[in-house]
């Protein structure tokens, strides 16, 4: 049992008359209080970010105020603890102040003195928790940026959605193509949530054989079926207190979908061959690469399960919609691979950058990661059905003329391909091609190309 976060003051004193008088003073001041006659077990009932303060007598039977102070500060050194002392306890109280007590009040004391100290302690507590929350938000943002690399608008929006949903208890449906990073998003939701210390159980529903899927998910009792010699705890039950990630949920049979729907609605599970309903405290994150609404219309997926899952959908943008994130991600994974293999990092050449930007990435981030690994190892960069050359680039078919004319045509094709992509400015276009802006202007005139004819809508003078 934990103490309600609405409680602002926990008041502890073994003297019932003094406790009642102090409690009345605090209550009349509009503060929500909890009165206790002893301190034993209090530390275990307070969460680390509990927003209140503790007022305790020093001398009490069982656990005294100093021992309580030590326990409370072991789990949160910034929790304000006010100590009440008798005249002979002043040296002890001074020692407690050095140990981290917020304040001490010597008996007898005026009601106003207690109220003033409690209100100052509550104001300090709010400031501490606000700063703690801000630091956590900044840390979460940095962690998300490290996990989900990219600065394109779709990725910024995705990180914002993850940050907003992680702190809630809502189940989530992740939509994304193969290789887009659905499990990465699911783990981020778990790690940034209050369940981060609980288990994260990932299941690929498409990889489970039909004959064992129910046993894997729900568990079974001995004798539930031939070969079931002992009890098995299912994945749902194993995830209790944490997060369950169900990937490729569209591949589940309709019979299993019925049981999944019941679990989602009632938060209980019943092992195969058993009669006991086991309560669950889990968050379910499902993922699919299919349009579940369309699958439901075709009778391949239960419509009621679809609507139950679709409360908080998260769409992962495919790599082809993320613009220059492909270059950032490629270099990121290439640098990681170089470090892992003890190699010097390679830098992308303009022609290679243009090749990466033209590619449609049907395998999304997983495909890009593999290509970056090959690049870091010094192997050829072969994408878009092109044949690799011996210099880590890719051959591009250019027809007609001698070598000089073919080089000109190749250069024009690279610039034209980059012009077809959205850019905020000429500077952005020049950076993508790896050339100075003046050089870019010269080449645009030379090849009869114009930034204003591109898909971008920025000022050409930028």
Protein backbone atom coordinates (compact mmCIF):
# COMPACT_ATOMS: atom_id res chain seq x y z
CA UNK A 1 0.00 0.00 0.00
CA UNK A 2 1.28 3.49 -0.85
CA UNK A 3 0.25 6.83 0.60
CA UNK A 4 -2.01 8.86 -1.66
CA UNK A 5 -0.23 11.68 -3.53
CA UNK A 6 -3.02 14.01 -2.43
CA UNK A 7 -1.70 13.81 1.16
CA UNK A 8 0.49 16.87 1.76
CA UNK A 9 1.68 16.22 5.32
CA UNK A 10 2.31 13.01 7.22
CA UNK A 11 2.22 13.82 10.94
CA UNK A 12 3.76 11.29 13.35
CA UNK A 13 3.61 11.56 17.15
CA UNK A 14 2.89 8.95 19.79
CA UNK A 15 1.15 11.54 22.02
CA UNK A 16 -2.50 11.43 20.87
CA UNK A 17 -3.39 14.81 22.38
CA UNK A 18 -0.48 16.67 20.76
CA UNK A 19 -1.03 14.82 17.49
CA UNK A 20 -4.71 15.80 17.47
CA UNK A 21 -3.90 19.46 18.21
CA UNK A 22 -1.22 19.68 15.51
CA UNK A 23 -3.44 17.86 13.04
CA UNK A 24 -6.27 20.32 13.69
CA UNK A 25 -3.91 23.26 13.05
CA UNK A 26 -2.82 21.82 9.71
CA UNK A 27 -6.35 20.81 8.73
CA UNK A 28 -7.74 24.28 9.42
CA UNK A 29 -5.02 25.69 7.17
CA UNK A 30 -6.48 23.66 4.29
CA UNK A 31 -3.73 21.01 4.18
CA UNK A 32 -4.50 17.34 3.56
CA UNK A 33 -2.86 15.35 6.34
CA UNK A 34 -2.35 11.78 7.48
CA UNK A 35 -1.87 11.21 11.23
CA UNK A 36 0.19 8.25 12.47
CA UNK A 37 1.10 7.13 15.99
CA UNK A 38 4.33 5.40 14.93
CA UNK A 39 6.93 5.64 12.18
CA UNK A 40 7.52 1.94 11.52
CA UNK A 41 6.87 1.02 7.86
CA UNK A 42 6.29 4.59 6.67
CA UNK A 43 9.29 4.69 4.31
CA UNK A 44 7.96 1.70 2.36
CA UNK A 45 4.63 3.47 1.79
CA UNK A 46 6.08 6.64 0.25
CA UNK A 47 7.01 6.72 -3.43
CA UNK A 48 10.20 8.55 -4.32
CA UNK A 49 8.33 11.43 -5.94
CA UNK A 50 5.65 11.74 -3.26
CA UNK A 51 4.85 15.49 -3.24
CA UNK A 52 4.45 16.03 0.52
CA UNK A 53 6.49 16.57 3.69
CA UNK A 54 6.90 14.59 6.91
CA UNK A 55 6.52 16.07 10.44
CA UNK A 56 7.72 13.69 13.16
CA UNK A 57 8.50 13.67 16.85
CA UNK A 58 12.05 12.54 17.66
CA UNK A 59 11.46 10.42 20.74
CA UNK A 60 8.92 7.66 20.09
CA UNK A 61 8.69 3.97 20.99
CA UNK A 62 9.83 1.63 18.24
CA UNK A 63 11.37 3.68 15.46
CA UNK A 64 12.42 7.18 16.53
CA UNK A 65 12.51 10.29 14.36
CA UNK A 66 16.23 10.03 13.57
CA UNK A 67 15.96 6.47 12.31
CA UNK A 68 12.93 7.49 10.23
CA UNK A 69 14.94 10.39 8.76
CA UNK A 70 17.67 7.96 7.71
CA UNK A 71 15.21 5.60 6.03
CA UNK A 72 13.35 8.34 4.19
CA UNK A 73 16.53 9.99 2.93
CA UNK A 74 17.93 6.64 1.80
CA UNK A 75 15.21 6.57 -0.89
CA UNK A 76 14.92 10.34 -1.46
CA UNK A 77 17.52 12.66 0.12
CA UNK A 78 15.48 15.69 -0.99
CA UNK A 79 12.31 14.83 0.96
CA UNK A 80 11.71 17.55 3.62
CA UNK A 81 11.48 16.07 7.14
CA UNK A 82 10.56 18.38 10.06
CA UNK A 83 11.39 17.14 13.55
CA UNK A 84 9.62 18.01 16.81
CA UNK A 85 11.87 18.07 19.88
CA UNK A 86 11.61 18.45 23.62
CA UNK A 87 13.88 20.92 25.42
CA UNK A 88 16.47 18.27 26.22
CA UNK A 89 16.56 17.03 22.63
CA UNK A 90 17.95 20.23 21.07
CA UNK A 91 21.54 18.87 20.66
CA UNK A 92 19.99 15.77 19.07
CA UNK A 93 17.95 17.93 16.74
CA UNK A 94 21.02 19.90 15.69
CA UNK A 95 22.67 16.59 14.85
CA UNK A 96 19.59 15.70 12.78
CA UNK A 97 19.82 19.01 10.90
CA UNK A 98 23.39 18.15 9.97
CA UNK A 99 22.08 14.77 8.79
CA UNK A 100 19.64 16.48 6.44
CA UNK A 101 16.49 17.33 8.41
CA UNK A 102 14.68 20.34 6.92
CA UNK A 103 13.81 22.02 10.25
CA UNK A 104 13.15 21.30 13.92
CA UNK A 105 10.59 22.80 16.28
CA UNK A 106 11.24 22.90 20.02
CA UNK A 107 8.25 22.24 22.30
CA UNK A 108 6.25 24.25 23.08
CA UNK A 109 5.92 26.09 19.78
CA UNK A 110 3.28 28.37 18.28
CA UNK A 111 0.88 27.06 15.62
CA UNK A 112 2.08 29.75 13.21
CA UNK A 113 5.65 28.47 13.51
CA UNK A 114 4.53 24.98 12.46
CA UNK A 115 2.44 26.30 9.56
CA UNK A 116 5.22 28.57 8.31
CA UNK A 117 7.78 25.74 8.34
CA UNK A 118 5.40 23.27 6.64
CA UNK A 119 4.44 25.74 3.91
CA UNK A 120 8.08 26.58 3.15
CA UNK A 121 8.90 22.86 3.05
CA UNK A 122 6.00 22.19 0.64
CA UNK A 123 7.15 25.04 -1.63
CA UNK A 124 10.66 23.58 -1.66
CA UNK A 125 9.27 20.12 -2.39
CA UNK A 126 7.31 21.41 -5.40
CA UNK A 127 10.44 23.12 -6.74
CA UNK A 128 12.51 19.96 -6.29
CA UNK A 129 9.94 17.78 -8.08
CA UNK A 130 9.50 20.32 -10.90
CA UNK A 131 13.28 20.36 -11.48
CA UNK A 132 13.41 16.58 -11.27
CA UNK A 133 10.61 16.29 -13.82
CA UNK A 134 12.36 18.74 -16.16
CA UNK A 135 15.65 16.84 -15.91
CA UNK A 136 13.83 13.58 -16.63
CA UNK A 137 12.04 15.10 -19.63
CA UNK A 138 15.34 16.37 -21.04
CA UNK A 139 16.97 13.01 -20.40
CA UNK A 140 14.06 11.20 -22.08
CA UNK A 141 14.27 13.56 -25.05
CA UNK A 142 18.01 12.93 -25.42
CA UNK A 143 17.48 9.20 -25.05
CA UNK A 144 14.78 9.22 -27.70
CA UNK A 145 16.98 11.22 -30.07
CA UNK A 146 19.74 8.65 -29.62
CA UNK A 147 17.39 5.73 -30.27
CA UNK A 148 15.32 7.27 -33.06
CA UNK A 149 17.86 9.19 -35.10
CA UNK A 150 16.71 11.89 -37.49
CA UNK A 151 15.47 15.47 -37.68
CA UNK A 152 12.82 15.17 -40.37
CA UNK A 153 9.33 16.44 -39.52
CA UNK A 154 7.84 12.90 -39.36
CA UNK A 155 10.51 11.77 -36.87
CA UNK A 156 10.16 14.87 -34.71
CA UNK A 157 6.42 14.21 -34.59
CA UNK A 158 6.97 10.52 -33.76
CA UNK A 159 9.33 11.33 -30.87
CA UNK A 160 6.83 13.87 -29.54
CA UNK A 161 4.04 11.27 -29.66
CA UNK A 162 6.20 8.66 -27.91
CA UNK A 163 7.08 11.15 -25.17
CA UNK A 164 3.40 11.95 -24.62
CA UNK A 165 2.21 8.32 -24.63
CA UNK A 166 5.04 6.79 -22.58
CA UNK A 167 3.85 8.38 -19.35
CA UNK A 168 0.29 7.06 -19.76
CA UNK A 169 -1.21 3.64 -19.11
CA UNK A 170 -2.78 3.39 -22.55
CA UNK A 171 -2.21 0.36 -24.75
CA UNK A 172 -0.58 1.31 -28.05
CA UNK A 173 -0.86 0.05 -31.63
CA UNK A 174 2.30 0.61 -33.69
CA UNK A 175 1.88 0.76 -37.46
CA UNK A 176 4.92 0.40 -39.66
CA UNK A 177 6.44 -1.37 -42.62
CA UNK A 178 8.94 -4.21 -42.30
CA UNK A 179 12.23 -2.96 -40.90
CA UNK A 180 10.87 0.45 -39.84
CA UNK A 181 11.80 -0.07 -36.18
CA UNK A 182 8.59 -1.15 -34.46
CA UNK A 183 10.36 -2.94 -31.59
CA UNK A 184 12.67 0.04 -31.07
CA UNK A 185 9.61 2.24 -30.60
CA UNK A 186 7.98 -0.31 -28.28
CA UNK A 187 11.09 -0.51 -26.10
CA UNK A 188 11.27 3.29 -25.95
CA UNK A 189 7.65 3.42 -24.75
CA UNK A 190 8.50 0.89 -22.03
CA UNK A 191 11.80 2.43 -20.93
CA UNK A 192 10.34 5.93 -20.65
CA UNK A 193 7.30 4.75 -18.68
CA UNK A 194 6.73 4.08 -14.98
CA UNK A 195 7.02 0.37 -15.86
CA UNK A 196 10.68 0.68 -16.83
CA UNK A 197 11.78 -1.54 -13.91
CA UNK A 198 9.30 -4.26 -14.88
CA UNK A 199 9.78 -6.89 -17.60
CA UNK A 200 9.61 -6.13 -21.31
CA UNK A 201 8.37 -9.28 -23.03
CA UNK A 202 8.52 -9.30 -26.84
CA UNK A 203 6.59 -11.88 -28.87
CA UNK A 204 6.60 -12.29 -32.62
CA UNK A 205 3.14 -13.73 -33.18
CA UNK A 206 4.03 -14.61 -36.75
CA UNK A 207 6.86 -16.89 -35.59
CA UNK A 208 4.69 -18.98 -33.22
CA UNK A 209 3.38 -22.29 -34.52
CA UNK A 210 -0.41 -22.56 -34.38
CA UNK A 211 -0.14 -25.67 -32.18
CA UNK A 212 1.75 -23.88 -29.37
CA UNK A 213 0.60 -20.26 -29.61
CA UNK A 214 -2.05 -20.51 -26.86
CA UNK A 215 0.31 -22.30 -24.49
CA UNK A 216 3.04 -19.73 -25.16
CA UNK A 217 0.74 -16.79 -24.54
CA UNK A 218 -1.60 -18.04 -21.80
CA UNK A 219 0.42 -20.83 -20.19
CA UNK A 220 -0.92 -24.23 -19.20
CA UNK A 221 -1.49 -26.55 -16.26
CA UNK A 222 -0.15 -30.13 -16.03
CA UNK A 223 -2.25 -32.48 -18.14
CA UNK A 224 -3.86 -29.69 -20.17
CA UNK A 225 -2.87 -31.58 -23.33
CA UNK A 226 -0.66 -34.45 -24.36
CA UNK A 227 2.89 -33.74 -23.30
CA UNK A 228 1.97 -31.03 -20.74
CA UNK A 229 3.73 -32.63 -17.78
CA UNK A 230 4.24 -29.51 -15.66
CA UNK A 231 2.83 -26.02 -15.25
CA UNK A 232 4.00 -23.40 -17.72
CA UNK A 233 3.76 -19.66 -17.12
CA UNK A 234 2.61 -17.91 -20.30
CA UNK A 235 4.07 -14.74 -21.78
CA UNK A 236 1.12 -12.64 -20.64
CA UNK A 237 1.58 -13.71 -17.05
CA UNK A 238 5.36 -13.41 -17.29
CA UNK A 239 4.96 -9.76 -18.36
CA UNK A 240 2.98 -8.92 -15.20
CA UNK A 241 4.07 -5.54 -13.85
CA UNK A 242 5.68 -4.59 -17.14
CA UNK A 243 5.04 -4.35 -20.88
CA UNK A 244 3.99 -7.00 -23.41
CA UNK A 245 4.99 -6.35 -27.03
CA UNK A 246 3.01 -8.32 -29.62
CA UNK A 247 4.59 -7.99 -33.07
CA UNK A 248 2.86 -9.11 -36.28
CA UNK A 249 -0.45 -9.28 -34.44
CA UNK A 250 -2.24 -9.61 -37.78
CA UNK A 251 -0.96 -13.20 -38.03
CA UNK A 252 -2.91 -14.39 -34.95
CA UNK A 253 -5.75 -16.81 -35.57
CA UNK A 254 -9.31 -15.62 -34.94
CA UNK A 255 -9.63 -18.03 -31.98
CA UNK A 256 -6.56 -16.56 -30.27
CA UNK A 257 -7.81 -13.06 -31.04
CA UNK A 258 -10.96 -13.79 -28.99
CA UNK A 259 -8.86 -14.69 -25.94
CA UNK A 260 -6.59 -11.71 -26.47
CA UNK A 261 -9.61 -9.40 -26.56
CA UNK A 262 -10.85 -10.81 -23.27
CA UNK A 263 -7.45 -10.32 -21.66
CA UNK A 264 -7.31 -6.71 -22.86
CA UNK A 265 -10.80 -5.94 -21.56
CA UNK A 266 -10.69 -7.77 -18.22
CA UNK A 267 -6.93 -7.84 -17.54
CA UNK A 268 -7.06 -11.47 -16.45
CA UNK A 269 -5.58 -14.63 -17.92
CA UNK A 270 -6.59 -18.28 -17.52
CA UNK A 271 -4.00 -20.98 -18.17
CA UNK A 272 -4.97 -23.83 -20.49
CA UNK A 273 -6.46 -26.62 -18.41
CA UNK A 274 -6.94 -24.32 -15.43
CA UNK A 275 -9.92 -22.67 -13.76
CA UNK A 276 -8.22 -19.83 -11.91
CA UNK A 277 -8.42 -16.29 -13.28
CA UNK A 278 -5.06 -14.60 -12.76
CA UNK A 279 -5.20 -10.78 -12.56
CA UNK A 280 -2.68 -8.95 -14.75
CA UNK A 281 -1.07 -5.55 -14.47
CA UNK A 282 0.43 -5.16 -17.92
CA UNK A 283 0.61 -2.67 -20.73
CA UNK A 284 0.08 -4.15 -24.19
CA UNK A 285 1.87 -2.73 -27.21
CA UNK A 286 0.83 -4.36 -30.47
CA UNK A 287 2.48 -3.88 -33.85
CA UNK A 288 1.46 -4.62 -37.41
CA UNK A 289 2.65 -3.99 -40.94
CA UNK A 290 -0.88 -4.47 -42.34
CA UNK A 291 -3.95 -2.27 -42.47
CA UNK A 292 -5.97 -3.94 -39.69
CA UNK A 293 -9.15 -2.08 -40.65
CA UNK A 294 -8.94 -3.56 -44.13
CA UNK A 295 -8.13 -6.98 -42.65
CA UNK A 296 -11.20 -6.67 -40.40
CA UNK A 297 -13.39 -5.76 -43.41
CA UNK A 298 -12.09 -8.90 -45.15
CA UNK A 299 -12.84 -11.09 -42.12
CA UNK A 300 -9.16 -11.85 -41.40
CA UNK A 301 -9.04 -9.80 -38.19
CA UNK A 302 -11.68 -9.25 -35.54
CA UNK A 303 -13.22 -5.78 -35.80
CA UNK A 304 -13.83 -5.55 -32.02
CA UNK A 305 -10.16 -6.33 -31.36
CA UNK A 306 -9.09 -3.74 -33.93
CA UNK A 307 -11.16 -1.01 -32.25
CA UNK A 308 -9.87 -2.09 -28.82
CA UNK A 309 -6.25 -1.82 -30.00
CA UNK A 310 -6.65 1.34 -32.06
CA UNK A 311 -7.09 3.70 -29.09
CA UNK A 312 -3.55 5.11 -29.29
CA UNK A 313 -2.05 4.38 -32.74
CA UNK A 314 1.55 5.30 -33.55
CA UNK A 315 2.63 5.35 -37.19
CA UNK A 316 6.32 4.93 -37.93
CA UNK A 317 7.13 6.77 -41.16
CA UNK A 318 8.91 4.67 -43.80
CA UNK A 319 12.44 5.76 -44.60
CA UNK A 320 11.47 7.03 -48.04
CA UNK A 321 9.32 9.73 -46.34
CA UNK A 322 12.12 10.94 -44.08
CA UNK A 323 14.24 12.88 -46.57
CA UNK A 324 17.80 13.50 -45.48
CA UNK A 325 17.38 11.33 -42.38
CA UNK A 326 18.64 8.54 -44.64
CA UNK A 327 22.05 10.24 -44.86
CA UNK A 328 22.20 10.92 -41.12
CA UNK A 329 21.18 7.37 -40.27
CA UNK A 330 23.57 5.85 -42.79
CA UNK A 331 26.54 7.75 -41.41
CA UNK A 332 25.44 6.95 -37.84
CA UNK A 333 25.31 3.21 -38.46
CA UNK A 334 28.48 3.28 -40.58
CA UNK A 335 30.39 5.03 -37.78
CA UNK A 336 29.02 2.53 -35.25
CA UNK A 337 30.12 -0.37 -37.45
CA UNK A 338 33.58 1.15 -37.99
CA UNK A 339 34.07 1.49 -34.24
CA UNK A 340 32.81 -2.04 -33.61
CA UNK A 341 35.24 -3.52 -36.17
CA UNK A 342 38.14 -1.28 -35.19
CA UNK A 343 38.26 0.47 -38.57
CA UNK A 344 38.72 4.09 -39.57
CA UNK A 345 35.37 5.67 -40.48
CA UNK A 346 34.56 6.34 -44.14
CA UNK A 347 32.85 9.49 -45.39
CA UNK A 348 30.17 9.48 -48.05
CA UNK A 349 31.04 11.05 -51.39
CA UNK A 350 28.50 13.32 -53.18
CA UNK A 351 27.60 10.61 -55.71
CA UNK A 352 27.01 8.12 -52.90
CA UNK A 353 24.88 10.63 -50.98
CA UNK A 354 22.75 11.18 -54.07
CA UNK A 355 22.43 7.42 -54.51
CA UNK A 356 21.21 6.99 -50.92
CA UNK A 357 18.68 9.78 -51.32
CA UNK A 358 17.30 8.31 -54.56
CA UNK A 359 16.85 4.84 -53.09
CA UNK A 360 13.30 3.91 -52.02
CA UNK A 361 14.47 1.68 -49.11
CA UNK A 362 11.85 -1.08 -49.28
CA UNK A 363 13.53 -2.71 -46.27
CA UNK A 364 13.57 0.61 -44.38
CA UNK A 365 16.05 1.13 -41.53
CA UNK A 366 17.01 -2.54 -41.38
CA UNK A 367 18.07 -2.44 -45.04
CA UNK A 368 19.95 0.83 -44.50
CA UNK A 369 21.75 -0.57 -41.45
CA UNK A 370 23.00 -3.54 -43.45
CA UNK A 371 24.16 -1.26 -46.28
CA UNK A 372 26.00 0.95 -43.78
CA UNK A 373 27.73 -2.10 -42.31
CA UNK A 374 28.98 -3.13 -45.77
CA UNK A 375 30.14 0.43 -46.43
CA UNK A 376 32.08 0.53 -43.15
CA UNK A 377 33.79 -2.75 -44.08
CA UNK A 378 34.96 -1.22 -47.36
CA UNK A 379 32.59 -3.22 -49.51
CA UNK A 380 30.73 -1.82 -52.51
CA UNK A 381 27.67 0.36 -52.04
CA UNK A 382 25.12 -1.29 -54.32
CA UNK A 383 21.57 0.06 -54.18
CA UNK A 384 18.64 0.74 -56.47
CA UNK A 385 19.43 -2.31 -58.64
CA UNK A 386 22.77 -0.77 -59.67
CA UNK A 387 25.92 -2.81 -60.02
CA UNK A 388 28.77 -1.95 -57.66
CA UNK A 389 32.01 -0.51 -58.92
CA UNK A 390 35.47 -1.04 -57.46
CA UNK A 391 35.52 2.28 -55.64
CA UNK A 392 32.60 1.79 -53.27
CA UNK A 393 30.21 3.73 -55.52
CA UNK A 394 27.64 2.50 -58.01
CA UNK A 395 27.53 2.64 -61.75
CA UNK A 396 24.90 4.86 -63.36
CA UNK A 397 23.90 4.35 -66.93
CA UNK A 398 24.56 7.48 -69.03
CA UNK A 399 24.16 7.20 -72.76
CA UNK A 400 25.84 8.85 -75.70
CA UNK A 401 29.09 10.79 -76.34
CA UNK A 402 32.61 10.38 -75.11
CA UNK A 403 33.91 10.35 -71.57
CA UNK A 404 33.59 14.14 -71.08
CA UNK A 405 29.98 14.21 -72.24
CA UNK A 406 29.08 11.18 -70.11
CA UNK A 407 30.61 12.86 -67.05
CA UNK A 408 28.55 15.99 -67.76
CA UNK A 409 25.38 13.92 -68.14
CA UNK A 410 26.13 12.04 -64.92
CA UNK A 411 26.66 15.30 -63.02
CA UNK A 412 23.43 16.74 -64.38
CA UNK A 413 21.49 13.58 -63.44
CA UNK A 414 22.78 13.74 -59.84
CA UNK A 415 21.81 17.41 -59.45
CA UNK A 416 18.43 16.85 -61.08
CA UNK A 417 17.75 13.89 -58.78
CA UNK A 418 18.58 16.03 -55.74
CA UNK A 419 16.40 18.86 -57.07
CA UNK A 420 13.49 16.43 -57.11
CA UNK A 421 13.74 16.10 -53.33
CA UNK A 422 12.33 18.81 -51.01
CA UNK A 423 14.91 21.29 -49.69
CA UNK A 424 14.37 24.30 -47.47
CA UNK A 425 16.99 26.40 -49.28
CA UNK A 426 19.76 26.43 -51.87
CA UNK A 427 22.16 25.99 -48.98
CA UNK A 428 20.42 22.74 -48.04
CA UNK A 429 20.65 21.54 -51.65
CA UNK A 430 24.35 22.44 -51.83
CA UNK A 431 25.07 20.62 -48.56
CA UNK A 432 23.28 17.51 -49.82
CA UNK A 433 25.49 17.53 -52.93
CA UNK A 434 28.62 18.37 -50.94
CA UNK A 435 29.54 21.48 -52.95
CA UNK A 436 29.70 25.24 -52.17
CA UNK A 437 26.63 27.33 -53.00
CA UNK A 438 28.50 29.38 -55.62
CA UNK A 439 29.57 26.17 -57.36
CA UNK A 440 25.99 24.93 -57.24
CA UNK A 441 24.68 28.16 -58.84
CA UNK A 442 27.29 27.80 -61.60
CA UNK A 443 26.34 24.19 -62.28
CA UNK A 444 22.60 24.97 -62.26
CA UNK A 445 23.18 27.60 -64.98
CA UNK A 446 25.51 25.29 -66.87
CA UNK A 447 22.97 22.46 -67.03
CA UNK A 448 19.91 24.68 -67.51
CA UNK A 449 18.43 23.70 -64.13
CA UNK A 450 16.60 26.00 -61.73
CA UNK A 451 16.00 25.70 -58.00
CA UNK A 452 12.60 27.37 -58.43
CA UNK A 453 11.52 24.43 -60.60
CA UNK A 454 12.12 21.97 -57.78
CA UNK A 455 9.57 20.65 -55.30
CA UNK A 456 10.79 23.14 -52.68
CA UNK A 457 9.20 26.48 -51.85
CA UNK A 458 12.02 28.40 -50.22
CA UNK A 459 13.74 31.62 -51.11
CA UNK A 460 16.39 30.86 -53.75
CA UNK A 461 18.60 33.57 -52.29
CA UNK A 462 19.06 31.70 -48.99
